[in-house]
Amino acid sequence: MRRIAISVAASTMTLSLAACGALGAASGSEASPTKGDDITVGVLMPEETNTRYEEFDYPIIKAKVEELTDKKGKTVYANGKADAKKQASQMQTMIDDKVDVILLDAVDSHAIASTVQKAKDAGIPVIAYDRLAEGPIDAYVSFDNELVGEVQGRSLIESLGSGIDTSDKIVMINGSPSDPNAGQFKAGAMSELNGKVTIAKTYDVDGWSPETAASDMTKAVAAIGKGNIAAVYSANDAMAGAAIKAMEDAGMTEIPPITGQDAELSAVQRIVAGEQYMSVYKPYPGEAEAAAEMAVMKIQGKSIQFDALATDSVDSPTNKDIPAQLVQVVALTKANIKSTVVKDGIYSVKDICTAAYESACQAAGLK
């Protein structure tokens, strides 16, 4: 059994995703064993800056719920738009409307805990999606978040080549302090960067705001100097794009290697063009379908199927031994675009290779 403590500090996650058994009863609400296919799944996503939630996660969850319930089950959807109070109100509405189960991707994992408790009191299971919320969560589906950071950090080191020196200056643009995943990404990255380079400036960006990331990058360039930044660690693609623009606006003619995460289309295009070094591709279909399966199995009382999906275990600051499924991630570079996002149907070559990127696509073998 694999067990992981989730916190904003370094966790004890290993690189292996192998598991060796199934969990017993979940820590939260008990599902009704008599519930049939006529179920309602509430889906709460955290924000719209990252395009994945609207374009991939929710549509995949919706389709999978319909498939698993012979099209008798339905989903109701709300996006918190990076506002924790708004999301709490959206979740309360779902509780009042008596949905059968809630998939929650929390804006603020701590602030939502009392609303998670209200769902439990109402007999509604809550499955944390992508981010581990506090409170009596029944299960958790996400990627191996510390591994994400390790992949980013390792890729950044590789980008510097054999001439890497401990005096090479790195700028770190981390995710939001209210997002528990951000701390894990950072911890994973630091496990690869520590002792190999100098972290000259580091920023934690509230709400994953690209505007704040751009401002922070501008400050870093002024403090370190245009020609003295060897590489930039950006926790996600939206902030990477903003940081690149900030460096260009600051007069940097050569943009250093920069990381990302989420394989957004604009980031894939930047990778093809050589403007962004890499992103982390997280196979959204696997995560979203697993979450939909967990939700349906939980509310239908199919404990054997549920346990088979939840072969990992995590701890939150408030609860222990939460059944979990953690999905693998891939370092996305120019070399494997075709075998990852294109092969998986996330984007077509036509999507990526617009007129502005035609020559870069040809050079990358995408045409």
Protein backbone atom coordinates (compact mmCIF):
# COMPACT_ATOMS: atom_id res chain seq x y z
CA MET A 1 0.00 0.00 0.00
CA ARG A 2 1.36 3.38 -0.93
CA ARG A 3 0.67 6.17 1.51
CA ILE A 4 1.51 9.84 0.99
CA ALA A 5 1.33 12.87 3.27
CA ILE A 6 0.05 15.93 1.39
CA SER A 7 1.36 19.28 2.63
CA VAL A 8 3.03 22.42 1.34
CA ALA A 9 6.32 21.12 2.69
CA ALA A 10 8.35 18.33 1.13
CA SER A 11 6.41 15.08 1.14
CA THR A 12 7.57 11.50 1.14
CA MET A 13 6.33 10.56 -2.30
CA THR A 14 8.45 8.19 -4.35
CA LEU A 15 8.70 7.97 -8.11
CA SER A 16 7.00 4.60 -8.33
CA LEU A 17 3.26 4.52 -8.81
CA ALA A 18 3.01 0.82 -8.09
CA ALA A 19 0.59 -0.29 -5.42
CA CYS A 20 0.23 -3.56 -3.64
CA GLY A 21 -3.32 -3.91 -2.44
CA ALA A 22 -6.72 -2.34 -2.09
CA LEU A 23 -8.13 -0.13 0.60
CA GLY A 24 -11.10 -0.86 2.73
CA ALA A 25 -13.91 1.56 3.53
CA ALA A 26 -13.46 5.22 2.64
CA SER A 27 -12.93 7.78 5.35
CA GLY A 28 -15.99 9.89 4.52
CA SER A 29 -19.67 9.35 3.75
CA GLU A 30 -20.98 5.89 2.99
CA ALA A 31 -22.62 5.42 -0.40
CA SER A 32 -26.07 3.92 -0.76
CA PRO A 33 -25.80 0.41 -2.19
CA THR A 34 -29.26 0.77 -3.76
CA LYS A 35 -28.51 3.79 -5.97
CA GLY A 36 -28.92 3.00 -9.64
CA ASP A 37 -27.85 4.77 -12.82
CA ASP A 38 -30.12 7.78 -12.30
CA ILE A 39 -27.48 9.77 -10.41
CA THR A 40 -26.31 13.38 -10.34
CA VAL A 41 -22.60 14.18 -10.05
CA GLY A 42 -21.68 17.71 -9.00
CA VAL A 43 -18.42 18.94 -10.55
CA LEU A 44 -16.60 21.97 -9.12
CA MET A 45 -13.54 23.35 -10.93
CA PRO A 46 -11.29 26.09 -9.51
CA GLU A 47 -10.55 28.67 -12.21
CA GLU A 48 -10.55 29.56 -15.89
CA THR A 49 -7.02 30.95 -16.37
CA ASN A 50 -5.84 27.41 -16.99
CA THR A 51 -7.80 26.28 -20.03
CA ARG A 52 -7.65 22.57 -19.21
CA TYR A 53 -10.63 22.56 -16.83
CA GLU A 54 -13.15 23.83 -19.37
CA GLU A 55 -11.64 22.20 -22.45
CA PHE A 56 -10.65 18.77 -21.14
CA ASP A 57 -11.42 17.83 -17.54
CA TYR A 58 -15.12 18.58 -17.31
CA PRO A 59 -16.13 17.36 -20.80
CA ILE A 60 -14.30 14.07 -20.17
CA ILE A 61 -15.90 13.62 -16.74
CA LYS A 62 -19.34 14.37 -18.18
CA ALA A 63 -18.93 11.88 -21.02
CA LYS A 64 -17.62 9.15 -18.70
CA VAL A 65 -20.49 9.56 -16.23
CA GLU A 66 -22.95 9.18 -19.12
CA GLU A 67 -21.10 6.10 -20.38
CA LEU A 68 -21.06 4.42 -16.98
CA THR A 69 -24.75 5.07 -16.32
CA ASP A 70 -26.21 4.16 -19.71
CA LYS A 71 -26.81 7.91 -20.24
CA LYS A 72 -29.15 8.04 -17.24
CA GLY A 73 -26.68 9.87 -15.01
CA LYS A 74 -26.01 13.57 -15.31
CA THR A 75 -23.49 16.14 -14.17
CA VAL A 76 -23.96 19.68 -12.90
CA TYR A 77 -21.02 22.03 -13.26
CA ALA A 78 -19.67 25.20 -11.66
CA ASN A 79 -16.35 27.04 -11.88
CA GLY A 80 -15.12 29.00 -8.88
CA LYS A 81 -13.14 31.47 -11.02
CA ALA A 82 -10.33 31.58 -8.43
CA ASP A 83 -12.74 32.85 -5.74
CA ALA A 84 -12.87 30.59 -2.67
CA LYS A 85 -16.06 32.16 -1.32
CA LYS A 86 -17.76 31.80 -4.68
CA GLN A 87 -16.81 28.13 -4.85
CA ALA A 88 -18.09 27.50 -1.32
CA SER A 89 -21.42 29.04 -2.35
CA GLN A 90 -21.50 26.87 -5.49
CA MET A 91 -20.84 23.76 -3.42
CA GLN A 92 -23.53 24.72 -0.91
CA THR A 93 -26.01 25.03 -3.77
CA MET A 94 -25.14 21.49 -4.88
CA ILE A 95 -25.63 20.26 -1.31
CA ASP A 96 -29.00 22.04 -1.11
CA ASP A 97 -29.97 20.53 -4.47
CA LYS A 98 -29.12 17.07 -3.10
CA VAL A 99 -26.65 15.93 -5.74
CA ASP A 100 -25.50 12.37 -5.12
CA VAL A 101 -21.74 12.94 -5.10
CA ILE A 102 -19.38 15.89 -5.59
CA LEU A 103 -16.08 16.05 -7.48
CA LEU A 104 -14.20 19.01 -5.99
CA ASP A 105 -11.14 20.78 -7.37
CA ALA A 106 -10.68 23.34 -4.61
CA VAL A 107 -9.76 26.98 -5.10
CA ASP A 108 -8.51 27.03 -1.50
CA SER A 109 -8.01 23.60 0.05
CA HIS A 110 -8.20 24.90 3.63
CA ALA A 111 -11.09 27.34 3.26
CA ILE A 112 -13.40 24.73 1.71
CA ALA A 113 -13.07 22.27 4.62
CA SER A 114 -16.20 23.45 6.45
CA THR A 115 -18.30 23.05 3.30
CA VAL A 116 -16.88 19.55 2.78
CA GLN A 117 -18.08 18.80 6.32
CA LYS A 118 -21.56 20.10 5.40
CA ALA A 119 -21.64 17.70 2.46
CA LYS A 120 -20.70 14.81 4.75
CA ASP A 121 -23.44 15.84 7.20
CA ALA A 122 -25.89 15.77 4.29
CA GLY A 123 -24.73 12.26 3.30
CA ILE A 124 -23.03 13.42 0.09
CA PRO A 125 -19.59 11.89 -0.64
CA VAL A 126 -16.90 14.34 -1.79
CA ILE A 127 -14.03 13.21 -4.00
CA ALA A 128 -11.12 15.65 -4.24
CA TYR A 129 -10.02 16.15 -7.83
CA ASP A 130 -6.53 17.32 -8.82
CA ARG A 131 -6.06 19.22 -5.53
CA LEU A 132 -6.49 17.61 -2.12
CA ALA A 133 -9.04 19.57 -0.10
CA GLU A 134 -9.17 19.46 3.68
CA GLY A 135 -12.12 18.02 5.58
CA PRO A 136 -13.71 14.54 5.42
CA ILE A 137 -12.83 13.75 1.80
CA ASP A 138 -13.91 10.28 0.61
CA ALA A 139 -11.24 9.86 -2.07
CA TYR A 140 -8.64 11.73 -4.08
CA VAL A 141 -7.71 11.57 -7.77
CA SER A 142 -4.69 13.49 -9.03
CA PHE A 143 -1.27 13.26 -10.54
CA ASP A 144 1.87 12.53 -8.56
CA ASN A 145 2.48 16.18 -7.79
CA GLU A 146 5.94 15.98 -6.32
CA LEU A 147 6.96 13.95 -9.35
CA VAL A 148 5.69 16.82 -11.51
CA GLY A 149 8.14 19.16 -9.79
CA GLU A 150 10.94 16.63 -10.04
CA VAL A 151 10.35 16.28 -13.78
CA GLN A 152 10.41 20.06 -14.17
CA GLY A 153 13.56 20.48 -12.09
CA ARG A 154 15.37 17.63 -13.80
CA SER A 155 14.46 19.00 -17.22
CA LEU A 156 15.75 22.43 -16.27
CA ILE A 157 19.08 20.94 -15.17
CA GLU A 158 19.30 18.98 -18.43
CA SER A 159 18.62 22.16 -20.41
CA LEU A 160 21.80 23.73 -19.01
CA GLY A 161 23.94 20.95 -20.45
CA SER A 162 27.36 19.73 -19.38
CA GLY A 163 28.59 23.25 -18.65
CA ILE A 164 26.24 23.68 -15.70
CA ASP A 165 27.74 25.43 -12.68
CA THR A 166 26.48 25.97 -9.14
CA SER A 167 26.77 29.73 -9.76
CA ASP A 168 24.16 29.56 -12.56
CA LYS A 169 21.25 31.73 -11.46
CA ILE A 170 17.72 30.38 -11.57
CA VAL A 171 14.44 32.28 -11.08
CA MET A 172 11.60 30.27 -9.52
CA ILE A 173 7.98 31.24 -10.22
CA ASN A 174 5.90 28.93 -8.04
CA GLY A 175 2.16 28.40 -7.81
CA SER A 176 -0.36 29.76 -5.36
CA PRO A 177 0.24 29.30 -1.61
CA SER A 178 -3.46 28.39 -1.22
CA ASP A 179 -3.04 25.40 -3.56
CA PRO A 180 -1.49 22.37 -1.79
CA ASN A 181 -0.23 21.08 -5.13
CA ALA A 182 1.97 24.15 -5.54
CA GLY A 183 4.00 23.27 -2.46
CA GLN A 184 4.53 19.76 -3.77
CA PHE A 185 5.61 20.99 -7.20
CA LYS A 186 8.09 23.30 -5.51
CA ALA A 187 9.41 20.58 -3.19
CA GLY A 188 9.89 18.21 -6.10
CA ALA A 189 11.70 20.83 -8.16
CA MET A 190 13.96 21.81 -5.27
CA SER A 191 14.96 18.16 -4.77
CA GLU A 192 16.50 18.34 -8.26
CA LEU A 193 17.82 21.92 -8.18
CA ASN A 194 19.39 22.06 -4.71
CA GLY A 195 23.17 22.08 -4.80
CA LYS A 196 23.33 22.22 -8.59
CA VAL A 197 22.37 25.85 -9.28
CA THR A 198 21.76 29.09 -7.39
CA ILE A 199 18.14 30.08 -6.76
CA ALA A 200 18.60 33.82 -7.22
CA LYS A 201 14.94 34.82 -6.87
CA THR A 202 11.84 32.87 -5.89
CA TYR A 203 8.21 33.95 -5.98
CA ASP A 204 4.96 32.31 -4.83
CA VAL A 205 2.19 33.60 -7.08
CA ASP A 206 -1.25 34.12 -5.51
CA GLY A 207 -3.99 32.56 -7.60
CA TRP A 208 -1.49 31.40 -10.23
CA SER A 209 -1.95 34.85 -11.77
CA PRO A 210 -0.06 35.34 -15.05
CA GLU A 211 -0.12 39.09 -14.46
CA THR A 212 1.59 38.66 -11.08
CA ALA A 213 4.07 36.22 -12.61
CA ALA A 214 4.94 38.79 -15.29
CA SER A 215 5.47 41.45 -12.64
CA ASP A 216 7.66 39.11 -10.58
CA MET A 217 9.72 38.20 -13.64
CA THR A 218 10.25 41.88 -14.43
CA LYS A 219 11.53 42.43 -10.89
CA ALA A 220 13.85 39.43 -11.21
CA VAL A 221 15.38 40.70 -14.46
CA ALA A 222 16.01 44.11 -12.88
CA ALA A 223 17.61 42.56 -9.80
CA ILE A 224 19.72 39.86 -11.47
CA GLY A 225 20.50 41.44 -14.83
CA LYS A 226 19.39 40.61 -18.39
CA GLY A 227 22.33 38.37 -19.20
CA ASN A 228 22.65 36.65 -15.84
CA ILE A 229 19.57 34.41 -15.74
CA ALA A 230 20.51 30.87 -16.74
CA ALA A 231 17.00 29.38 -16.58
CA VAL A 232 13.50 29.97 -15.21
CA TYR A 233 11.39 27.50 -13.28
CA SER A 234 7.72 28.24 -13.93
CA ALA A 235 5.21 25.98 -12.23
CA ASN A 236 2.71 26.13 -15.10
CA ASP A 237 2.30 27.17 -18.72
CA ALA A 238 0.18 30.27 -18.20
CA MET A 239 2.83 31.80 -15.94
CA ALA A 240 5.59 30.63 -18.30
CA GLY A 241 3.99 32.53 -21.17
CA ALA A 242 3.71 35.64 -19.00
CA ALA A 243 7.33 35.33 -17.85
CA ILE A 244 8.57 34.99 -21.43
CA LYS A 245 6.67 38.12 -22.43
CA ALA A 246 8.09 39.99 -19.42
CA MET A 247 11.63 39.02 -20.39
CA GLU A 248 11.05 40.13 -23.97
CA ASP A 249 9.58 43.43 -22.77
CA ALA A 250 12.65 43.89 -20.55
CA GLY A 251 14.85 43.73 -23.64
CA MET A 252 16.19 40.20 -23.30
CA THR A 253 17.06 39.01 -26.80
CA GLU A 254 17.87 35.45 -25.70
CA ILE A 255 15.21 33.79 -23.55
CA PRO A 256 16.69 31.18 -21.18
CA PRO A 257 15.16 27.71 -20.84
CA ILE A 258 11.83 27.84 -19.01
CA THR A 259 9.59 25.08 -17.70
CA GLY A 260 5.82 24.78 -17.61
CA GLN A 261 2.98 22.41 -16.81
CA ASP A 262 -0.38 21.40 -18.31
CA ALA A 263 0.61 21.19 -21.99
CA GLU A 264 -1.61 24.11 -22.99
CA LEU A 265 -1.83 24.61 -26.75
CA SER A 266 0.00 27.94 -26.62
CA ALA A 267 2.78 26.27 -24.59
CA VAL A 268 3.07 23.40 -27.06
CA GLN A 269 3.46 25.97 -29.82
CA ARG A 270 6.11 27.82 -27.81
CA ILE A 271 7.96 24.52 -27.33
CA VAL A 272 7.86 23.86 -31.08
CA ALA A 273 9.20 27.35 -31.69
CA GLY A 274 11.95 26.97 -29.08
CA GLU A 275 10.57 29.72 -26.83
CA GLN A 276 9.68 27.38 -23.94
CA TYR A 277 11.90 24.42 -23.09
CA MET A 278 9.29 21.98 -21.76
CA SER A 279 5.92 21.43 -20.16
CA VAL A 280 4.57 18.60 -18.05
CA TYR A 281 1.92 16.64 -19.90
CA LYS A 282 -0.61 15.25 -17.50
CA PRO A 283 -2.89 12.82 -19.35
CA TYR A 284 -6.20 14.46 -18.48
CA PRO A 285 -8.36 11.66 -19.90
CA GLY A 286 -6.87 9.20 -17.40
CA GLU A 287 -7.37 11.49 -14.42
CA ALA A 288 -10.85 12.67 -15.43
CA GLU A 289 -12.13 9.19 -16.29
CA ALA A 290 -10.76 7.78 -13.03
CA ALA A 291 -12.56 10.51 -11.08
CA ALA A 292 -15.84 9.83 -12.89
CA GLU A 293 -15.49 6.10 -12.25
CA MET A 294 -14.75 6.68 -8.57
CA ALA A 295 -17.77 8.96 -8.22
CA VAL A 296 -20.16 6.49 -9.86
CA MET A 297 -18.79 3.45 -8.01
CA LYS A 298 -18.90 5.28 -4.69
CA ILE A 299 -22.51 6.35 -4.90
CA GLN A 300 -23.65 3.01 -6.32
CA GLY A 301 -22.01 1.22 -3.42
CA LYS A 302 -19.68 -0.85 -5.61
CA SER A 303 -16.93 -1.09 -3.03
CA ILE A 304 -14.83 -3.70 -4.81
CA GLN A 305 -14.63 -1.63 -7.99
CA PHE A 306 -14.02 1.52 -5.95
CA ASP A 307 -11.18 -0.07 -3.99
CA ALA A 308 -9.59 -1.33 -7.20
CA LEU A 309 -9.39 2.27 -8.42
CA ALA A 310 -8.04 3.61 -5.10
CA THR A 311 -4.86 1.62 -4.53
CA ASP A 312 -2.89 4.57 -3.14
CA SER A 313 -3.45 6.43 0.11
CA VAL A 314 -2.82 10.05 1.13
CA ASP A 315 -2.97 12.16 4.27
CA SER A 316 -4.28 15.72 4.33
CA PRO A 317 -3.71 18.16 7.22
CA THR A 318 -7.11 17.11 8.62
CA ASN A 319 -7.64 13.49 7.60
CA LYS A 320 -5.59 10.31 7.28
CA ASP A 321 -5.61 7.34 4.91
CA ILE A 322 -7.72 8.91 2.18
CA PRO A 323 -8.16 6.43 -0.71
CA ALA A 324 -6.39 7.81 -3.77
CA GLN A 325 -5.37 7.19 -7.34
CA LEU A 326 -2.25 8.96 -8.60
CA VAL A 327 -1.65 9.15 -12.34
CA GLN A 328 1.70 9.24 -14.16
CA VAL A 329 3.06 12.38 -15.86
CA VAL A 330 5.36 12.94 -18.85
CA ALA A 331 8.00 15.60 -19.61
CA LEU A 332 6.77 17.19 -22.85
CA THR A 333 9.53 18.47 -25.13
CA LYS A 334 9.87 19.16 -28.82
CA ALA A 335 11.03 15.56 -29.29
CA ASN A 336 7.86 13.83 -28.06
CA ILE A 337 4.95 16.10 -29.01
CA LYS A 338 3.80 13.64 -31.65
CA SER A 339 3.90 10.64 -29.30
CA THR A 340 2.06 12.38 -26.44
CA VAL A 341 -0.49 15.15 -26.98
CA VAL A 342 -0.99 14.37 -30.67
CA LYS A 343 -1.20 10.60 -30.19
CA ASP A 344 -3.63 10.99 -27.28
CA GLY A 345 -5.89 13.24 -29.34
CA ILE A 346 -5.43 16.29 -27.13
CA TYR A 347 -4.35 18.36 -30.14
CA SER A 348 -4.03 17.64 -33.82
CA VAL A 349 -0.99 18.66 -35.85
CA LYS A 350 -3.30 21.20 -37.51
CA ASP A 351 -4.15 22.71 -34.11
CA ILE A 352 -0.46 23.16 -33.29
CA CYS A 353 0.92 24.05 -36.69
CA THR A 354 -0.91 27.26 -37.50
CA ALA A 355 0.60 29.68 -40.04
CA ALA A 356 2.80 31.36 -37.43
CA TYR A 357 4.38 28.01 -36.50
CA GLU A 358 4.52 26.36 -39.91
CA SER A 359 8.29 26.55 -40.41
CA ALA A 360 8.99 25.53 -36.80
CA CYS A 361 6.67 22.54 -37.19
CA GLN A 362 8.46 21.45 -40.34
CA ALA A 363 11.81 21.63 -38.54
CA ALA A 364 10.34 19.60 -35.66
CA GLY A 365 8.97 16.94 -38.01
CA LEU A 366 5.33 17.80 -37.35
CA LYS A 367 4.46 18.53 -40.98
